[in-house]
C-alpha atoms as a PDB file:
ATOM      1  CA  UNK A   1     -52.876   9.024 -83.955  1.00  0.00           C
ATOM      2  CA  UNK A   2     -55.821   9.827 -81.765  1.00  0.00           C
ATOM      3  CA  UNK A   3     -56.754  13.374 -80.783  1.00  0.00           C
ATOM      4  CA  UNK A   4     -57.607  12.186 -77.226  1.00  0.00           C
ATOM      5  CA  UNK A   5     -54.329  11.758 -75.526  1.00  0.00           C
ATOM      6  CA  UNK A   6     -54.174   9.970 -72.160  1.00  0.00           C
ATOM      7  CA  UNK A   7     -52.149  11.837 -69.598  1.00  0.00           C
ATOM      8  CA  UNK A   8     -49.687  10.108 -67.345  1.00  0.00           C
ATOM      9  CA  UNK A   9     -52.020  10.639 -64.368  1.00  0.00           C
ATOM     10  CA  UNK A  10     -55.019   9.067 -66.194  1.00  0.00           C
ATOM     11  CA  UNK A  11     -52.906   6.105 -67.287  1.00  0.00           C
ATOM     12  CA  UNK A  12     -51.788   5.406 -63.712  1.00  0.00           C
ATOM     13  CA  UNK A  13     -55.364   5.865 -62.470  1.00  0.00           C
ATOM     14  CA  UNK A  14     -56.720   3.351 -65.026  1.00  0.00           C
ATOM     15  CA  UNK A  15     -53.913   0.896 -64.314  1.00  0.00           C
ATOM     16  CA  UNK A  16     -54.319   1.025 -60.521  1.00  0.00           C
ATOM     17  CA  UNK A  17     -58.111   0.706 -60.804  1.00  0.00           C
ATOM     18  CA  UNK A  18     -57.746  -2.341 -63.039  1.00  0.00           C
ATOM     19  CA  UNK A  19     -55.171  -4.028 -60.804  1.00  0.00           C
ATOM     20  CA  UNK A  20     -57.235  -3.216 -57.684  1.00  0.00           C
ATOM     21  CA  UNK A  21     -60.381  -4.659 -59.297  1.00  0.00           C
ATOM     22  CA  UNK A  22     -58.511  -7.809 -60.294  1.00  0.00           C
ATOM     23  CA  UNK A  23     -57.190  -8.268 -56.744  1.00  0.00           C
ATOM     24  CA  UNK A  24     -60.645  -7.633 -55.207  1.00  0.00           C
ATOM     25  CA  UNK A  25     -62.188 -10.224 -57.536  1.00  0.00           C
ATOM     26  CA  UNK A  26     -59.496 -12.720 -56.511  1.00  0.00           C
ATOM     27  CA  UNK A  27     -60.382 -12.201 -52.856  1.00  0.00           C
ATOM     28  CA  UNK A  28     -64.174 -12.168 -53.284  1.00  0.00           C
ATOM     29  CA  UNK A  29     -64.577 -15.138 -55.654  1.00  0.00           C
ATOM     30  CA  UNK A  30     -63.702 -17.848 -53.077  1.00  0.00           C
ATOM     31  CA  UNK A  31     -66.109 -16.258 -50.584  1.00  0.00           C
ATOM     32  CA  UNK A  32     -68.856 -16.127 -53.193  1.00  0.00           C
ATOM     33  CA  UNK A  33     -68.176 -19.740 -54.174  1.00  0.00           C
ATOM     34  CA  UNK A  34     -68.322 -20.779 -50.503  1.00  0.00           C
ATOM     35  CA  UNK A  35     -71.719 -19.083 -50.097  1.00  0.00           C
ATOM     36  CA  UNK A  36     -73.291 -20.321 -53.343  1.00  0.00           C
ATOM     37  CA  UNK A  37     -71.872 -23.871 -53.541  1.00  0.00           C
ATOM     38  CA  UNK A  38     -74.254 -25.516 -51.003  1.00  0.00           C
ATOM     39  CA  UNK A  39     -77.243 -24.110 -52.886  1.00  0.00           C
ATOM     40  CA  UNK A  40     -76.066 -25.667 -56.151  1.00  0.00           C
ATOM     41  CA  UNK A  41     -75.292 -29.071 -54.605  1.00  0.00           C
ATOM     42  CA  UNK A  42     -77.415 -31.793 -56.203  1.00  0.00           C
ATOM     43  CA  UNK A  43     -79.502 -33.913 -53.879  1.00  0.00           C
ATOM     44  CA  UNK A  44     -82.397 -36.200 -54.541  1.00  0.00           C
ATOM     45  CA  UNK A  45     -83.062 -39.823 -55.273  1.00  0.00           C
ATOM     46  CA  UNK A  46     -79.420 -40.782 -54.780  1.00  0.00           C
ATOM     47  CA  UNK A  47     -79.716 -40.088 -51.049  1.00  0.00           C
ATOM     48  CA  UNK A  48     -80.868 -43.648 -50.293  1.00  0.00           C
ATOM     49  CA  UNK A  49     -78.148 -45.983 -49.038  1.00  0.00           C
ATOM     50  CA  UNK A  50     -78.236 -49.633 -50.144  1.00  0.00           C
ATOM     51  CA  UNK A  51     -78.316 -52.441 -47.585  1.00  0.00           C
ATOM     52  CA  UNK A  52     -77.726 -56.180 -47.945  1.00  0.00           C
ATOM     53  CA  UNK A  53     -81.254 -56.909 -46.697  1.00  0.00           C
ATOM     54  CA  UNK A  54     -83.561 -58.506 -49.258  1.00  0.00           C
ATOM     55  CA  UNK A  55     -87.117 -57.207 -49.120  1.00  0.00           C
ATOM     56  CA  UNK A  56     -88.476 -60.765 -49.454  1.00  0.00           C
ATOM     57  CA  UNK A  57     -86.594 -61.852 -46.305  1.00  0.00           C
ATOM     58  CA  UNK A  58     -88.111 -59.195 -44.028  1.00  0.00           C
ATOM     59  CA  UNK A  59     -90.577 -60.687 -41.538  1.00  0.00           C
ATOM     60  CA  UNK A  60     -92.673 -59.387 -38.650  1.00  0.00           C
ATOM     61  CA  UNK A  61     -89.725 -59.945 -36.272  1.00  0.00           C
ATOM     62  CA  UNK A  62     -87.378 -56.903 -36.079  1.00  0.00           C
ATOM     63  CA  UNK A  63     -83.870 -57.620 -37.367  1.00  0.00           C
ATOM     64  CA  UNK A  64     -80.779 -55.449 -37.163  1.00  0.00           C
ATOM     65  CA  UNK A  65     -79.688 -54.196 -40.597  1.00  0.00           C
ATOM     66  CA  UNK A  66     -76.279 -52.545 -40.974  1.00  0.00           C
ATOM     67  CA  UNK A  67     -75.520 -50.173 -43.826  1.00  0.00           C
ATOM     68  CA  UNK A  68     -72.405 -48.183 -44.704  1.00  0.00           C
ATOM     69  CA  UNK A  69     -71.653 -45.067 -46.674  1.00  0.00           C
ATOM     70  CA  UNK A  70     -68.695 -42.772 -47.314  1.00  0.00           C
ATOM     71  CA  UNK A  71     -68.787 -39.408 -45.581  1.00  0.00           C
ATOM     72  CA  UNK A  72     -66.648 -36.582 -46.925  1.00  0.00           C
ATOM     73  CA  UNK A  73     -65.692 -33.896 -44.430  1.00  0.00           C
ATOM     74  CA  UNK A  74     -63.559 -31.296 -46.179  1.00  0.00           C
ATOM     75  CA  UNK A  75     -60.545 -33.339 -47.346  1.00  0.00           C
ATOM     76  CA  UNK A  76     -61.140 -36.274 -44.961  1.00  0.00           C
ATOM     77  CA  UNK A  77     -63.116 -39.308 -46.156  1.00  0.00           C
ATOM     78  CA  UNK A  78     -64.443 -41.842 -43.681  1.00  0.00           C
ATOM     79  CA  UNK A  79     -66.573 -44.952 -43.880  1.00  0.00           C
ATOM     80  CA  UNK A  80     -69.657 -44.641 -41.634  1.00  0.00           C
ATOM     81  CA  UNK A  81     -71.645 -47.703 -40.542  1.00  0.00           C
ATOM     82  CA  UNK A  82     -75.157 -47.233 -39.191  1.00  0.00           C
ATOM     83  CA  UNK A  83     -77.867 -49.613 -38.040  1.00  0.00           C
ATOM     84  CA  UNK A  84     -81.646 -49.867 -38.367  1.00  0.00           C
ATOM     85  CA  UNK A  85     -84.225 -52.214 -36.866  1.00  0.00           C
ATOM     86  CA  UNK A  86     -86.357 -53.429 -39.773  1.00  0.00           C
ATOM     87  CA  UNK A  87     -89.588 -55.455 -39.797  1.00  0.00           C
ATOM     88  CA  UNK A  88     -92.997 -55.651 -41.488  1.00  0.00           C
ATOM     89  CA  UNK A  89     -96.003 -54.372 -39.553  1.00  0.00           C
ATOM     90  CA  UNK A  90     -99.458 -56.020 -39.477  1.00  0.00           C
ATOM     91  CA  UNK A  91    -100.454 -54.407 -42.793  1.00  0.00           C
ATOM     92  CA  UNK A  92     -97.296 -55.683 -44.522  1.00  0.00           C
ATOM     93  CA  UNK A  93     -95.576 -52.274 -44.658  1.00  0.00           C
ATOM     94  CA  UNK A  94     -91.859 -52.135 -43.928  1.00  0.00           C
ATOM     95  CA  UNK A  95     -90.870 -50.226 -40.796  1.00  0.00           C
ATOM     96  CA  UNK A  96     -87.234 -49.155 -40.338  1.00  0.00           C
ATOM     97  CA  UNK A  97     -86.466 -47.703 -36.910  1.00  0.00           C
ATOM     98  CA  UNK A  98     -83.351 -45.959 -35.698  1.00  0.00           C
ATOM     99  CA  UNK A  99     -81.641 -47.787 -32.805  1.00  0.00           C
ATOM    100  CA  UNK A 100     -80.706 -44.507 -31.101  1.00  0.00           C
ATOM    101  CA  UNK A 101     -82.592 -43.893 -27.839  1.00  0.00           C
ATOM    102  CA  UNK A 102     -84.228 -40.476 -27.798  1.00  0.00           C
ATOM    103  CA  UNK A 103     -83.386 -40.014 -24.121  1.00  0.00           C
ATOM    104  CA  UNK A 104     -79.571 -39.843 -24.160  1.00  0.00           C
ATOM    105  CA  UNK A 105     -78.497 -41.477 -27.419  1.00  0.00           C
ATOM    106  CA  UNK A 106     -77.724 -45.013 -26.238  1.00  0.00           C
ATOM    107  CA  UNK A 107     -78.411 -47.990 -28.512  1.00  0.00           C
ATOM    108  CA  UNK A 108     -81.672 -49.874 -28.053  1.00  0.00           C
ATOM    109  CA  UNK A 109     -82.017 -53.630 -28.544  1.00  0.00           C
ATOM    110  CA  UNK A 110     -85.002 -55.730 -29.510  1.00  0.00           C
ATOM    111  CA  UNK A 111     -85.987 -58.119 -26.680  1.00  0.00           C
ATOM    112  CA  UNK A 112     -82.999 -56.826 -24.703  1.00  0.00           C
ATOM    113  CA  UNK A 113     -84.747 -57.174 -21.330  1.00  0.00           C
ATOM    114  CA  UNK A 114     -86.214 -60.545 -20.297  1.00  0.00           C
ATOM    115  CA  UNK A 115     -88.859 -58.833 -18.141  1.00  0.00           C
ATOM    116  CA  UNK A 116     -90.219 -56.932 -21.164  1.00  0.00           C
ATOM    117  CA  UNK A 117     -90.545 -59.235 -24.174  1.00  0.00           C
ATOM    118  CA  UNK A 118     -91.427 -57.775 -27.582  1.00  0.00           C
ATOM    119  CA  UNK A 119     -90.091 -54.329 -26.653  1.00  0.00           C
ATOM    120  CA  UNK A 120     -87.086 -52.257 -27.619  1.00  0.00           C
ATOM    121  CA  UNK A 121     -84.971 -51.766 -24.480  1.00  0.00           C
ATOM    122  CA  UNK A 122     -82.346 -49.134 -23.694  1.00  0.00           C
ATOM    123  CA  UNK A 123     -79.918 -50.494 -21.071  1.00  0.00           C
ATOM    124  CA  UNK A 124     -78.523 -47.085 -20.069  1.00  0.00           C
ATOM    125  CA  UNK A 125     -81.570 -45.827 -18.167  1.00  0.00           C
ATOM    126  CA  UNK A 126     -84.068 -48.671 -18.666  1.00  0.00           C
ATOM    127  CA  UNK A 127     -85.984 -46.971 -21.452  1.00  0.00           C
ATOM    128  CA  UNK A 128     -88.685 -48.975 -23.197  1.00  0.00           C
ATOM    129  CA  UNK A 129     -90.288 -48.675 -26.618  1.00  0.00           C
ATOM    130  CA  UNK A 130     -93.109 -50.721 -28.113  1.00  0.00           C
ATOM    131  CA  UNK A 131     -92.533 -52.651 -31.333  1.00  0.00           C
ATOM    132  CA  UNK A 132     -93.598 -49.666 -33.446  1.00  0.00           C
ATOM    133  CA  UNK A 133     -90.973 -47.480 -31.728  1.00  0.00           C
ATOM    134  CA  UNK A 134     -93.317 -45.491 -29.462  1.00  0.00           C
ATOM    135  CA  UNK A 135     -91.950 -44.776 -25.991  1.00  0.00           C
ATOM    136  CA  UNK A 136     -93.619 -46.547 -23.049  1.00  0.00           C
ATOM    137  CA  UNK A 137     -95.151 -44.208 -20.481  1.00  0.00           C
ATOM    138  CA  UNK A 138     -93.202 -43.610 -17.243  1.00  0.00           C
ATOM    139  CA  UNK A 139     -89.856 -44.518 -18.815  1.00  0.00           C
ATOM    140  CA  UNK A 140     -87.063 -41.996 -19.617  1.00  0.00           C
ATOM    141  CA  UNK A 141     -87.524 -41.612 -23.424  1.00  0.00           C
ATOM    142  CA  UNK A 142     -89.306 -38.386 -24.352  1.00  0.00           C
ATOM    143  CA  UNK A 143     -90.406 -39.255 -27.891  1.00  0.00           C
ATOM    144  CA  UNK A 144     -90.617 -42.206 -30.301  1.00  0.00           C
ATOM    145  CA  UNK A 145     -87.642 -43.705 -32.120  1.00  0.00           C
ATOM    146  CA  UNK A 146     -86.743 -41.987 -35.380  1.00  0.00           C
ATOM    147  CA  UNK A 147     -88.001 -43.572 -38.591  1.00  0.00           C
ATOM    148  CA  UNK A 148     -85.936 -44.263 -41.723  1.00  0.00           C
ATOM    149  CA  UNK A 149     -87.625 -43.695 -45.073  1.00  0.00           C
ATOM    150  CA  UNK A 150     -87.002 -46.623 -47.394  1.00  0.00           C
ATOM    151  CA  UNK A 151     -87.249 -47.661 -51.002  1.00  0.00           C
ATOM    152  CA  UNK A 152     -87.093 -50.978 -52.839  1.00  0.00           C
ATOM    153  CA  UNK A 153     -84.454 -51.220 -55.571  1.00  0.00           C
ATOM    154  CA  UNK A 154     -83.957 -54.532 -57.340  1.00  0.00           C
ATOM    155  CA  UNK A 155     -85.418 -56.424 -54.375  1.00  0.00           C
ATOM    156  CA  UNK A 156     -83.038 -54.888 -51.820  1.00  0.00           C
ATOM    157  CA  UNK A 157     -83.825 -52.397 -49.063  1.00  0.00           C
ATOM    158  CA  UNK A 158     -82.398 -48.883 -49.434  1.00  0.00           C
ATOM    159  CA  UNK A 159     -82.609 -46.492 -46.466  1.00  0.00           C
ATOM    160  CA  UNK A 160     -82.666 -42.688 -46.379  1.00  0.00           C
ATOM    161  CA  UNK A 161     -81.805 -40.285 -43.573  1.00  0.00           C
ATOM    162  CA  UNK A 162     -83.697 -40.911 -40.319  1.00  0.00           C
ATOM    163  CA  UNK A 163     -86.705 -38.625 -39.758  1.00  0.00           C
ATOM    164  CA  UNK A 164     -87.652 -37.362 -36.311  1.00  0.00           C
ATOM    165  CA  UNK A 165     -91.066 -38.408 -34.996  1.00  0.00           C
ATOM    166  CA  UNK A 166     -92.939 -36.545 -32.310  1.00  0.00           C
ATOM    167  CA  UNK A 167     -95.042 -38.176 -29.591  1.00  0.00           C
END
């Protein structure tokens, strides 16, 4: 037997402190996980989405390329389909432009207006962009079309998240 005896009051104090600490940890752990989880999320080279477009088939004429990916929003999974206008510029570099007009978010089309050949045209407010995605002066768009980063994997085009370009 020990010479240090625990009184009834000390025993209850230790027990209540332990139970209270356990309950506080149970409440705080989900909040801590919620705050720390986005920091620990792995991102990197896997952020490029594959397309069905072969790199060898890309020409100087812009073509519409559709690509799909699965988006997870809490417990809801959905299949998202996006589009890019892809072509090779004069130096042979691939250019992948977002089809979203920077004025109000309508979809632009290549050669969509007979009066303006070789331009991207937004039918909502008659916005015009040159082939490289730069807005034409005195038309509604306020900045150039966004640009998709790309990579070549096994001869197929893979696109990343569109990057904003300033005028």
